[in-house]
Amino acid sequence: RDPADRTTLLLTCTPEEIEALVSAGAISGGMLPKVRNCIAALREGVAAVLILDGTPDRPALLESLIAGKVGTLVMS
């Protein structure tokens, strides 16, 4: 909900919640294409999408192995 505060990380959300966060300005900049692609994938039949932290101190492989504890799972 607040990109500057990791304690407000959403563990799960829906496309509707994403749209509300975009409208509120909580999701902006480089995250916009990512969340829009998540929504598009869900519309095409993907069951869920996991958004992970891709910064160098959080390797994607590690993130994927501990899914459910980090990142945001987007589901319809």
C-alpha atoms as a PDB file:
ATOM      1  CA  ARG A   1       0.000   0.000   0.000  1.00  0.00           C
ATOM      2  CA  ASP A   2       2.942   2.353   0.708  1.00  0.00           C
ATOM      3  CA  PRO A   3       6.024   1.595  -1.436  1.00  0.00           C
ATOM      4  CA  ALA A   4       8.260   3.312   1.123  1.00  0.00           C
ATOM      5  CA  ASP A   5       7.012   1.068   3.946  1.00  0.00           C
ATOM      6  CA  ARG A   6       7.645  -2.676   3.467  1.00  0.00           C
ATOM      7  CA  THR A   7       5.316  -3.467   6.361  1.00  0.00           C
ATOM      8  CA  THR A   8       2.369  -2.459   4.145  1.00  0.00           C
ATOM      9  CA  LEU A   9       3.170  -5.104   1.526  1.00  0.00           C
ATOM     10  CA  LEU A  10       0.078  -6.930   0.318  1.00  0.00           C
ATOM     11  CA  LEU A  11       0.556 -10.699   0.399  1.00  0.00           C
ATOM     12  CA  THR A  12      -2.436 -11.241  -1.891  1.00  0.00           C
ATOM     13  CA  CYS A  13      -4.606  -8.991  -3.997  1.00  0.00           C
ATOM     14  CA  THR A  14      -7.137  -9.019  -6.805  1.00  0.00           C
ATOM     15  CA  PRO A  15      -7.222  -7.074 -10.071  1.00  0.00           C
ATOM     16  CA  GLU A  16      -9.886  -4.849  -8.514  1.00  0.00           C
ATOM     17  CA  GLU A  17      -7.621  -4.039  -5.582  1.00  0.00           C
ATOM     18  CA  ILE A  18      -4.791  -3.266  -7.990  1.00  0.00           C
ATOM     19  CA  GLU A  19      -6.994  -0.845  -9.925  1.00  0.00           C
ATOM     20  CA  ALA A  20      -7.956   0.893  -6.673  1.00  0.00           C
ATOM     21  CA  LEU A  21      -4.293   1.204  -5.678  1.00  0.00           C
ATOM     22  CA  VAL A  22      -3.422   2.630  -9.100  1.00  0.00           C
ATOM     23  CA  SER A  23      -6.255   5.161  -8.779  1.00  0.00           C
ATOM     24  CA  ALA A  24      -5.035   6.120  -5.294  1.00  0.00           C
ATOM     25  CA  GLY A  25      -1.471   6.606  -6.564  1.00  0.00           C
ATOM     26  CA  ALA A  26      -0.045   3.784  -4.424  1.00  0.00           C
ATOM     27  CA  ILE A  27       1.028   1.959  -7.598  1.00  0.00           C
ATOM     28  CA  SER A  28       2.810   4.153 -10.127  1.00  0.00           C
ATOM     29  CA  GLY A  29       5.851   4.472 -12.338  1.00  0.00           C
ATOM     30  CA  GLY A  30       7.628   1.254 -13.261  1.00  0.00           C
ATOM     31  CA  MET A  31       5.127  -0.901 -11.377  1.00  0.00           C
ATOM     32  CA  LEU A  32       2.263   0.105 -13.686  1.00  0.00           C
ATOM     33  CA  PRO A  33       3.293  -2.093 -16.629  1.00  0.00           C
ATOM     34  CA  LYS A  34       4.001  -4.976 -14.256  1.00  0.00           C
ATOM     35  CA  VAL A  35       0.581  -4.916 -12.601  1.00  0.00           C
ATOM     36  CA  ARG A  36      -1.165  -4.355 -15.929  1.00  0.00           C
ATOM     37  CA  ASN A  37       0.583  -7.435 -17.320  1.00  0.00           C
ATOM     38  CA  CYS A  38      -0.508  -9.390 -14.233  1.00  0.00           C
ATOM     39  CA  ILE A  39      -4.115  -8.409 -14.870  1.00  0.00           C
ATOM     40  CA  ALA A  40      -3.818  -9.274 -18.571  1.00  0.00           C
ATOM     41  CA  ALA A  41      -2.376 -12.704 -17.735  1.00  0.00           C
ATOM     42  CA  LEU A  42      -5.250 -13.407 -15.331  1.00  0.00           C
ATOM     43  CA  ARG A  43      -7.771 -12.410 -18.008  1.00  0.00           C
ATOM     44  CA  GLU A  44      -6.119 -14.900 -20.375  1.00  0.00           C
ATOM     45  CA  GLY A  45      -6.557 -17.749 -17.919  1.00  0.00           C
ATOM     46  CA  VAL A  46      -3.418 -17.753 -15.782  1.00  0.00           C
ATOM     47  CA  ALA A  47      -4.482 -18.853 -12.292  1.00  0.00           C
ATOM     48  CA  ALA A  48      -2.193 -16.519 -10.344  1.00  0.00           C
ATOM     49  CA  VAL A  49       0.843 -14.274 -10.719  1.00  0.00           C
ATOM     50  CA  LEU A  50       3.515 -13.721  -8.080  1.00  0.00           C
ATOM     51  CA  ILE A  51       5.224 -10.323  -8.054  1.00  0.00           C
ATOM     52  CA  LEU A  52       8.655 -10.606  -6.455  1.00  0.00           C
ATOM     53  CA  ASP A  53      11.260  -8.097  -5.362  1.00  0.00           C
ATOM     54  CA  GLY A  54      13.859  -7.995  -8.127  1.00  0.00           C
ATOM     55  CA  THR A  55      16.437  -5.803  -6.449  1.00  0.00           C
ATOM     56  CA  PRO A  56      19.983  -7.215  -6.280  1.00  0.00           C
ATOM     57  CA  ASP A  57      19.773  -7.923  -2.539  1.00  0.00           C
ATOM     58  CA  ARG A  58      16.682 -10.141  -3.115  1.00  0.00           C
ATOM     59  CA  PRO A  59      17.569 -12.727  -5.814  1.00  0.00           C
ATOM     60  CA  ALA A  60      14.520 -13.920  -7.788  1.00  0.00           C
ATOM     61  CA  LEU A  61      15.318 -17.591  -7.175  1.00  0.00           C
ATOM     62  CA  LEU A  62      15.337 -17.060  -3.417  1.00  0.00           C
ATOM     63  CA  GLU A  63      12.119 -15.078  -3.677  1.00  0.00           C
ATOM     64  CA  SER A  64      10.402 -17.842  -5.636  1.00  0.00           C
ATOM     65  CA  LEU A  65      11.496 -20.535  -3.177  1.00  0.00           C
ATOM     66  CA  ILE A  66       9.940 -18.721  -0.255  1.00  0.00           C
ATOM     67  CA  ALA A  67       6.768 -17.660  -2.078  1.00  0.00           C
ATOM     68  CA  GLY A  68       3.969 -16.856   0.284  1.00  0.00           C
ATOM     69  CA  LYS A  69       6.320 -15.111   2.669  1.00  0.00           C
ATOM     70  CA  VAL A  70       7.456 -12.345   0.305  1.00  0.00           C
ATOM     71  CA  GLY A  71       6.047 -10.643  -2.718  1.00  0.00           C
ATOM     72  CA  THR A  72       2.412 -10.273  -3.725  1.00  0.00           C
ATOM     73  CA  LEU A  73       0.238 -13.044  -5.126  1.00  0.00           C
ATOM     74  CA  VAL A  74      -2.291 -11.641  -7.597  1.00  0.00           C
ATOM     75  CA  MET A  75      -5.379 -13.798  -8.123  1.00  0.00           C
ATOM     76  CA  SER A  76      -8.819 -13.289  -9.607  1.00  0.00           C
END
